[in-house]
């Protein structure tokens, strides 16, 4: 069975992405900081007939990412799809005139954890000339929001790197795409339901064409 590693797996969108790929025949490796939450998610997926397990790591600490991906590979073998969509509500957002090096750096460290994760899968994918990397940010990476200015800077940087990665790897058989989500996920809009958004990831995986999807569902 193919394997997807979901970095930043949580009970909302992360779980629904895991479920969508699990229903598409994937084994699921859940990667996040909280071991108890990972176990709960893994058991829930297993109850639906999806092979899943949790692997703890902190995306701001590259060495823990390397350790977690080593454990994933030891258990399941080669990773076919990497999906990166973490969220940390404890990192404070500031307005455009309040950005400082001190409140920007934690956002950069958080979002650019994607680089450490990609490095764990890209060499194998390039060698096999096959694989998929899906990187998620908020919609502010494309259309900036003034009161989320420090987040937008970090997200825009990750978007730029992901699009560069798409161009670099597309001739080597590796598909890379950036997903920007402009939606209040789970807030009531039908298009913002986590399971609805998750289907876009599976569709991108199968189509393997577009370098980017801006998913918009903001109207209430």
C-alpha atoms as a PDB file:
ATOM      1  CA  UNK A   1       0.000   0.000   0.000  1.00  0.00           C
ATOM      2  CA  UNK A   2       1.215   3.544  -0.679  1.00  0.00           C
ATOM      3  CA  UNK A   3       2.108   5.665   2.355  1.00  0.00           C
ATOM      4  CA  UNK A   4       1.205   9.263   3.156  1.00  0.00           C
ATOM      5  CA  UNK A   5       2.952  11.204   5.932  1.00  0.00           C
ATOM      6  CA  UNK A   6       0.865  14.066   7.293  1.00  0.00           C
ATOM      7  CA  UNK A   7       2.920  16.655   9.180  1.00  0.00           C
ATOM      8  CA  UNK A   8       0.887  18.701  11.612  1.00  0.00           C
ATOM      9  CA  UNK A   9      -1.864  16.093  11.889  1.00  0.00           C
ATOM     10  CA  UNK A  10      -4.745  17.233  14.057  1.00  0.00           C
ATOM     11  CA  UNK A  11      -8.428  16.467  14.617  1.00  0.00           C
ATOM     12  CA  UNK A  12      -9.709  18.852  11.940  1.00  0.00           C
ATOM     13  CA  UNK A  13      -8.271  19.166   8.449  1.00  0.00           C
ATOM     14  CA  UNK A  14      -5.345  16.838   9.159  1.00  0.00           C
ATOM     15  CA  UNK A  15      -7.638  14.029  10.188  1.00  0.00           C
ATOM     16  CA  UNK A  16      -9.866  14.509   7.154  1.00  0.00           C
ATOM     17  CA  UNK A  17      -6.855  14.497   4.816  1.00  0.00           C
ATOM     18  CA  UNK A  18      -5.741  11.259   6.463  1.00  0.00           C
ATOM     19  CA  UNK A  19      -9.217   9.814   6.090  1.00  0.00           C
ATOM     20  CA  UNK A  20      -9.522  10.866   2.446  1.00  0.00           C
ATOM     21  CA  UNK A  21      -6.205   9.291   1.512  1.00  0.00           C
ATOM     22  CA  UNK A  22      -6.910   6.252   3.677  1.00  0.00           C
ATOM     23  CA  UNK A  23     -10.135   5.668   1.791  1.00  0.00           C
ATOM     24  CA  UNK A  24      -8.065   5.964  -1.408  1.00  0.00           C
ATOM     25  CA  UNK A  25      -5.943   3.011  -0.314  1.00  0.00           C
ATOM     26  CA  UNK A  26      -3.158   4.704   1.626  1.00  0.00           C
ATOM     27  CA  UNK A  27      -1.438   3.787   4.860  1.00  0.00           C
ATOM     28  CA  UNK A  28      -1.281   6.908   7.043  1.00  0.00           C
ATOM     29  CA  UNK A  29       1.636   8.164   9.146  1.00  0.00           C
ATOM     30  CA  UNK A  30       0.538  10.998  11.427  1.00  0.00           C
ATOM     31  CA  UNK A  31       3.302  13.385  12.531  1.00  0.00           C
ATOM     32  CA  UNK A  32       2.793  16.010  15.260  1.00  0.00           C
ATOM     33  CA  UNK A  33       4.004  17.006  18.726  1.00  0.00           C
ATOM     34  CA  UNK A  34       1.357  15.516  21.000  1.00  0.00           C
ATOM     35  CA  UNK A  35       1.635  11.730  21.366  1.00  0.00           C
ATOM     36  CA  UNK A  36      -1.756  11.325  23.072  1.00  0.00           C
ATOM     37  CA  UNK A  37      -3.602  13.210  20.343  1.00  0.00           C
ATOM     38  CA  UNK A  38      -1.795  11.225  17.673  1.00  0.00           C
ATOM     39  CA  UNK A  39      -2.818   7.967  19.328  1.00  0.00           C
ATOM     40  CA  UNK A  40      -6.438   9.110  19.457  1.00  0.00           C
ATOM     41  CA  UNK A  41      -6.399  10.017  15.757  1.00  0.00           C
ATOM     42  CA  UNK A  42      -4.685   6.777  14.790  1.00  0.00           C
ATOM     43  CA  UNK A  43      -7.221   4.689  16.705  1.00  0.00           C
ATOM     44  CA  UNK A  44     -10.091   6.590  15.101  1.00  0.00           C
ATOM     45  CA  UNK A  45      -8.701   5.907  11.624  1.00  0.00           C
ATOM     46  CA  UNK A  46      -8.050   2.262  12.483  1.00  0.00           C
ATOM     47  CA  UNK A  47     -11.683   2.007  13.544  1.00  0.00           C
ATOM     48  CA  UNK A  48     -12.602   2.987   9.981  1.00  0.00           C
ATOM     49  CA  UNK A  49     -10.384   0.276   8.536  1.00  0.00           C
ATOM     50  CA  UNK A  50      -7.433   2.550   7.720  1.00  0.00           C
ATOM     51  CA  UNK A  51      -3.919   1.526   8.738  1.00  0.00           C
ATOM     52  CA  UNK A  52      -2.503   4.467  10.701  1.00  0.00           C
ATOM     53  CA  UNK A  53       0.054   5.265  13.384  1.00  0.00           C
ATOM     54  CA  UNK A  54       1.393   8.376  15.096  1.00  0.00           C
ATOM     55  CA  UNK A  55       4.998   9.594  15.160  1.00  0.00           C
ATOM     56  CA  UNK A  56       5.942  12.492  17.429  1.00  0.00           C
ATOM     57  CA  UNK A  57       8.064  15.389  16.195  1.00  0.00           C
ATOM     58  CA  UNK A  58       8.356  19.158  16.596  1.00  0.00           C
ATOM     59  CA  UNK A  59       8.563  20.909  13.236  1.00  0.00           C
ATOM     60  CA  UNK A  60      10.671  23.706  14.742  1.00  0.00           C
ATOM     61  CA  UNK A  61      13.331  21.108  15.624  1.00  0.00           C
ATOM     62  CA  UNK A  62      14.692  19.474  12.437  1.00  0.00           C
ATOM     63  CA  UNK A  63      16.385  16.668  14.332  1.00  0.00           C
ATOM     64  CA  UNK A  64      13.028  15.442  15.638  1.00  0.00           C
ATOM     65  CA  UNK A  65      11.600  15.498  12.120  1.00  0.00           C
ATOM     66  CA  UNK A  66      14.481  13.336  10.917  1.00  0.00           C
ATOM     67  CA  UNK A  67      13.943  10.902  13.800  1.00  0.00           C
ATOM     68  CA  UNK A  68      10.189  10.678  13.190  1.00  0.00           C
ATOM     69  CA  UNK A  69      10.566  10.058   9.463  1.00  0.00           C
ATOM     70  CA  UNK A  70      13.155   7.404  10.192  1.00  0.00           C
ATOM     71  CA  UNK A  71      10.586   5.617  12.347  1.00  0.00           C
ATOM     72  CA  UNK A  72       7.932   5.977   9.633  1.00  0.00           C
ATOM     73  CA  UNK A  73      10.236   4.398   7.055  1.00  0.00           C
ATOM     74  CA  UNK A  74      11.249   1.614   9.436  1.00  0.00           C
ATOM     75  CA  UNK A  75       7.589   0.721   9.963  1.00  0.00           C
ATOM     76  CA  UNK A  76       6.023   1.366   6.573  1.00  0.00           C
ATOM     77  CA  UNK A  77       8.821   1.741   4.048  1.00  0.00           C
ATOM     78  CA  UNK A  78       9.033   4.436   1.400  1.00  0.00           C
ATOM     79  CA  UNK A  79       6.820   7.504   1.765  1.00  0.00           C
ATOM     80  CA  UNK A  80       4.832   8.169  -1.403  1.00  0.00           C
ATOM     81  CA  UNK A  81       3.098  11.400  -0.365  1.00  0.00           C
ATOM     82  CA  UNK A  82       4.181  14.117   2.063  1.00  0.00           C
ATOM     83  CA  UNK A  83       1.497  16.537   3.217  1.00  0.00           C
ATOM     84  CA  UNK A  84       2.443  19.544   5.387  1.00  0.00           C
ATOM     85  CA  UNK A  85      -0.348  21.490   7.102  1.00  0.00           C
ATOM     86  CA  UNK A  86       0.486  22.327  10.728  1.00  0.00           C
ATOM     87  CA  UNK A  87      -1.176  25.042  12.781  1.00  0.00           C
ATOM     88  CA  UNK A  88      -0.172  26.596  16.090  1.00  0.00           C
ATOM     89  CA  UNK A  89      -2.659  29.008  17.617  1.00  0.00           C
ATOM     90  CA  UNK A  90      -0.217  29.909  20.396  1.00  0.00           C
ATOM     91  CA  UNK A  91       1.994  31.833  17.972  1.00  0.00           C
ATOM     92  CA  UNK A  92       0.594  35.328  18.064  1.00  0.00           C
ATOM     93  CA  UNK A  93      -0.368  37.283  14.977  1.00  0.00           C
ATOM     94  CA  UNK A  94       0.496  40.980  14.726  1.00  0.00           C
ATOM     95  CA  UNK A  95      -0.508  43.830  12.436  1.00  0.00           C
ATOM     96  CA  UNK A  96       1.624  45.078   9.591  1.00  0.00           C
ATOM     97  CA  UNK A  97       3.080  48.001  11.573  1.00  0.00           C
ATOM     98  CA  UNK A  98       3.823  45.818  14.602  1.00  0.00           C
ATOM     99  CA  UNK A  99       6.074  43.263  12.878  1.00  0.00           C
ATOM    100  CA  UNK A 100       9.464  42.895  14.544  1.00  0.00           C
ATOM    101  CA  UNK A 101      12.277  40.364  14.227  1.00  0.00           C
ATOM    102  CA  UNK A 102      11.151  38.950  17.568  1.00  0.00           C
ATOM    103  CA  UNK A 103       7.558  38.193  16.525  1.00  0.00           C
ATOM    104  CA  UNK A 104       8.477  37.185  12.977  1.00  0.00           C
ATOM    105  CA  UNK A 105      11.169  34.610  13.740  1.00  0.00           C
ATOM    106  CA  UNK A 106       8.859  32.084  15.496  1.00  0.00           C
ATOM    107  CA  UNK A 107       6.561  32.137  12.460  1.00  0.00           C
ATOM    108  CA  UNK A 108       9.499  31.546  10.124  1.00  0.00           C
ATOM    109  CA  UNK A 109      10.771  28.688  12.275  1.00  0.00           C
ATOM    110  CA  UNK A 110       7.297  27.155  12.290  1.00  0.00           C
ATOM    111  CA  UNK A 111       6.436  27.363   8.598  1.00  0.00           C
ATOM    112  CA  UNK A 112       9.896  26.549   7.338  1.00  0.00           C
ATOM    113  CA  UNK A 113       9.744  23.254   9.184  1.00  0.00           C
ATOM    114  CA  UNK A 114       8.441  22.123   5.802  1.00  0.00           C
ATOM    115  CA  UNK A 115      12.006  22.275   4.479  1.00  0.00           C
ATOM    116  CA  UNK A 116      13.180  19.749   7.071  1.00  0.00           C
ATOM    117  CA  UNK A 117      10.253  17.466   6.248  1.00  0.00           C
ATOM    118  CA  UNK A 118      10.797  17.647   2.496  1.00  0.00           C
ATOM    119  CA  UNK A 119      14.455  16.747   2.923  1.00  0.00           C
ATOM    120  CA  UNK A 120      13.367  13.465   4.514  1.00  0.00           C
ATOM    121  CA  UNK A 121      11.416  12.353   1.424  1.00  0.00           C
ATOM    122  CA  UNK A 122      12.775  14.173  -1.626  1.00  0.00           C
ATOM    123  CA  UNK A 123      15.920  12.049  -2.182  1.00  0.00           C
ATOM    124  CA  UNK A 124      13.900   8.811  -2.281  1.00  0.00           C
ATOM    125  CA  UNK A 125      11.276  10.362  -4.545  1.00  0.00           C
ATOM    126  CA  UNK A 126      13.910  11.673  -6.943  1.00  0.00           C
ATOM    127  CA  UNK A 127      15.646   8.295  -7.022  1.00  0.00           C
ATOM    128  CA  UNK A 128      12.339   6.564  -7.807  1.00  0.00           C
ATOM    129  CA  UNK A 129      11.216   9.365 -10.164  1.00  0.00           C
ATOM    130  CA  UNK A 130       7.865   9.317  -8.383  1.00  0.00           C
ATOM    131  CA  UNK A 131       6.254  10.991  -5.393  1.00  0.00           C
ATOM    132  CA  UNK A 132       4.027  13.847  -4.280  1.00  0.00           C
ATOM    133  CA  UNK A 133       4.648  16.760  -1.917  1.00  0.00           C
ATOM    134  CA  UNK A 134       1.688  18.927  -0.870  1.00  0.00           C
ATOM    135  CA  UNK A 135       2.389  22.053   1.211  1.00  0.00           C
ATOM    136  CA  UNK A 136      -0.396  24.038   2.883  1.00  0.00           C
ATOM    137  CA  UNK A 137      -0.507  27.649   4.061  1.00  0.00           C
ATOM    138  CA  UNK A 138      -3.237  30.146   4.776  1.00  0.00           C
ATOM    139  CA  UNK A 139      -4.578  32.257   1.947  1.00  0.00           C
ATOM    140  CA  UNK A 140      -2.590  35.238   3.221  1.00  0.00           C
ATOM    141  CA  UNK A 141       0.422  33.774   1.475  1.00  0.00           C
ATOM    142  CA  UNK A 142      -1.255  34.932  -1.765  1.00  0.00           C
ATOM    143  CA  UNK A 143      -3.580  37.737  -0.632  1.00  0.00           C
ATOM    144  CA  UNK A 144      -2.059  39.338   2.479  1.00  0.00           C
ATOM    145  CA  UNK A 145      -4.205  40.250   5.477  1.00  0.00           C
ATOM    146  CA  UNK A 146      -2.861  43.249   7.467  1.00  0.00           C
ATOM    147  CA  UNK A 147      -3.661  41.902  10.928  1.00  0.00           C
ATOM    148  CA  UNK A 148      -1.840  38.624  10.176  1.00  0.00           C
ATOM    149  CA  UNK A 149       1.270  40.329   8.838  1.00  0.00           C
ATOM    150  CA  UNK A 150       3.966  38.231  10.521  1.00  0.00           C
ATOM    151  CA  UNK A 151       2.173  35.002   9.600  1.00  0.00           C
ATOM    152  CA  UNK A 152       1.761  36.194   6.007  1.00  0.00           C
ATOM    153  CA  UNK A 153       5.494  36.890   5.628  1.00  0.00           C
ATOM    154  CA  UNK A 154       6.416  33.378   6.723  1.00  0.00           C
ATOM    155  CA  UNK A 155       3.645  31.747   4.696  1.00  0.00           C
ATOM    156  CA  UNK A 156       4.561  33.711   1.574  1.00  0.00           C
ATOM    157  CA  UNK A 157       8.161  32.596   1.927  1.00  0.00           C
ATOM    158  CA  UNK A 158       7.086  28.976   2.162  1.00  0.00           C
ATOM    159  CA  UNK A 159       4.798  29.412  -0.850  1.00  0.00           C
ATOM    160  CA  UNK A 160       7.680  30.835  -2.888  1.00  0.00           C
ATOM    161  CA  UNK A 161       9.963  27.947  -1.937  1.00  0.00           C
ATOM    162  CA  UNK A 162       7.261  25.378  -2.718  1.00  0.00           C
ATOM    163  CA  UNK A 163       6.654  26.809  -6.188  1.00  0.00           C
ATOM    164  CA  UNK A 164      10.392  26.788  -6.816  1.00  0.00           C
ATOM    165  CA  UNK A 165      10.449  23.176  -5.664  1.00  0.00           C
ATOM    166  CA  UNK A 166       7.659  22.366  -8.127  1.00  0.00           C
ATOM    167  CA  UNK A 167       9.714  23.781 -10.987  1.00  0.00           C
ATOM    168  CA  UNK A 168      12.851  21.994  -9.836  1.00  0.00           C
ATOM    169  CA  UNK A 169      11.334  18.537  -9.388  1.00  0.00           C
ATOM    170  CA  UNK A 170       8.650  18.293 -12.073  1.00  0.00           C
ATOM    171  CA  UNK A 171      11.127  17.001 -14.655  1.00  0.00           C
ATOM    172  CA  UNK A 172      12.280  14.365 -12.175  1.00  0.00           C
ATOM    173  CA  UNK A 173       8.877  12.759 -11.767  1.00  0.00           C
ATOM    174  CA  UNK A 174       8.079  14.359  -8.413  1.00  0.00           C
ATOM    175  CA  UNK A 175       4.878  16.399  -8.152  1.00  0.00           C
ATOM    176  CA  UNK A 176       4.903  19.378  -5.775  1.00  0.00           C
ATOM    177  CA  UNK A 177       1.928  21.650  -5.127  1.00  0.00           C
ATOM    178  CA  UNK A 178       1.078  24.511  -2.794  1.00  0.00           C
ATOM    179  CA  UNK A 179      -2.413  24.828  -1.311  1.00  0.00           C
ATOM    180  CA  UNK A 180      -3.447  28.205   0.087  1.00  0.00           C
ATOM    181  CA  UNK A 181      -6.640  27.982   2.118  1.00  0.00           C
ATOM    182  CA  UNK A 182      -8.796  31.093   2.448  1.00  0.00           C
ATOM    183  CA  UNK A 183     -11.549  29.650   4.626  1.00  0.00           C
ATOM    184  CA  UNK A 184     -12.722  29.648   8.216  1.00  0.00           C
ATOM    185  CA  UNK A 185     -12.346  25.893   8.433  1.00  0.00           C
ATOM    186  CA  UNK A 186     -15.271  24.229  10.143  1.00  0.00           C
ATOM    187  CA  UNK A 187     -17.097  27.517  10.780  1.00  0.00           C
ATOM    188  CA  UNK A 188     -20.322  26.547   8.989  1.00  0.00           C
ATOM    189  CA  UNK A 189     -19.765  27.377   5.339  1.00  0.00           C
ATOM    190  CA  UNK A 190     -20.365  24.145   3.395  1.00  0.00           C
ATOM    191  CA  UNK A 191     -17.237  24.641   1.332  1.00  0.00           C
ATOM    192  CA  UNK A 192     -15.134  25.189   4.461  1.00  0.00           C
ATOM    193  CA  UNK A 193     -15.918  21.801   6.006  1.00  0.00           C
ATOM    194  CA  UNK A 194     -12.651  19.902   6.613  1.00  0.00           C
ATOM    195  CA  UNK A 195     -13.824  16.814   4.736  1.00  0.00           C
ATOM    196  CA  UNK A 196     -14.736  18.933   1.703  1.00  0.00           C
ATOM    197  CA  UNK A 197     -11.372  20.680   1.652  1.00  0.00           C
ATOM    198  CA  UNK A 198      -9.580  17.345   2.117  1.00  0.00           C
ATOM    199  CA  UNK A 199     -10.970  16.050  -1.153  1.00  0.00           C
ATOM    200  CA  UNK A 200      -9.024  18.773  -2.968  1.00  0.00           C
ATOM    201  CA  UNK A 201      -5.791  17.169  -1.785  1.00  0.00           C
ATOM    202  CA  UNK A 202      -6.722  13.795  -3.233  1.00  0.00           C
ATOM    203  CA  UNK A 203      -7.797  15.439  -6.481  1.00  0.00           C
ATOM    204  CA  UNK A 204      -4.465  17.250  -6.776  1.00  0.00           C
ATOM    205  CA  UNK A 205      -2.622  14.018  -6.052  1.00  0.00           C
ATOM    206  CA  UNK A 206      -4.389  12.203  -8.869  1.00  0.00           C
ATOM    207  CA  UNK A 207      -4.260  15.071 -11.389  1.00  0.00           C
ATOM    208  CA  UNK A 208      -0.564  15.917 -10.794  1.00  0.00           C
ATOM    209  CA  UNK A 209      -0.716  19.039 -12.968  1.00  0.00           C
ATOM    210  CA  UNK A 210      -1.277  22.357 -11.185  1.00  0.00           C
ATOM    211  CA  UNK A 211       1.514  23.848  -9.040  1.00  0.00           C
ATOM    212  CA  UNK A 212      -0.966  25.665  -6.831  1.00  0.00           C
ATOM    213  CA  UNK A 213      -4.550  25.719  -5.612  1.00  0.00           C
ATOM    214  CA  UNK A 214      -6.062  28.711  -3.837  1.00  0.00           C
ATOM    215  CA  UNK A 215      -9.037  27.249  -2.000  1.00  0.00           C
ATOM    216  CA  UNK A 216     -11.569  29.988  -1.158  1.00  0.00           C
ATOM    217  CA  UNK A 217     -14.700  29.510   0.970  1.00  0.00           C
ATOM    218  CA  UNK A 218     -15.179  32.637   3.071  1.00  0.00           C
ATOM    219  CA  UNK A 219     -18.749  33.825   2.401  1.00  0.00           C
ATOM    220  CA  UNK A 220     -21.160  33.024   5.213  1.00  0.00           C
END
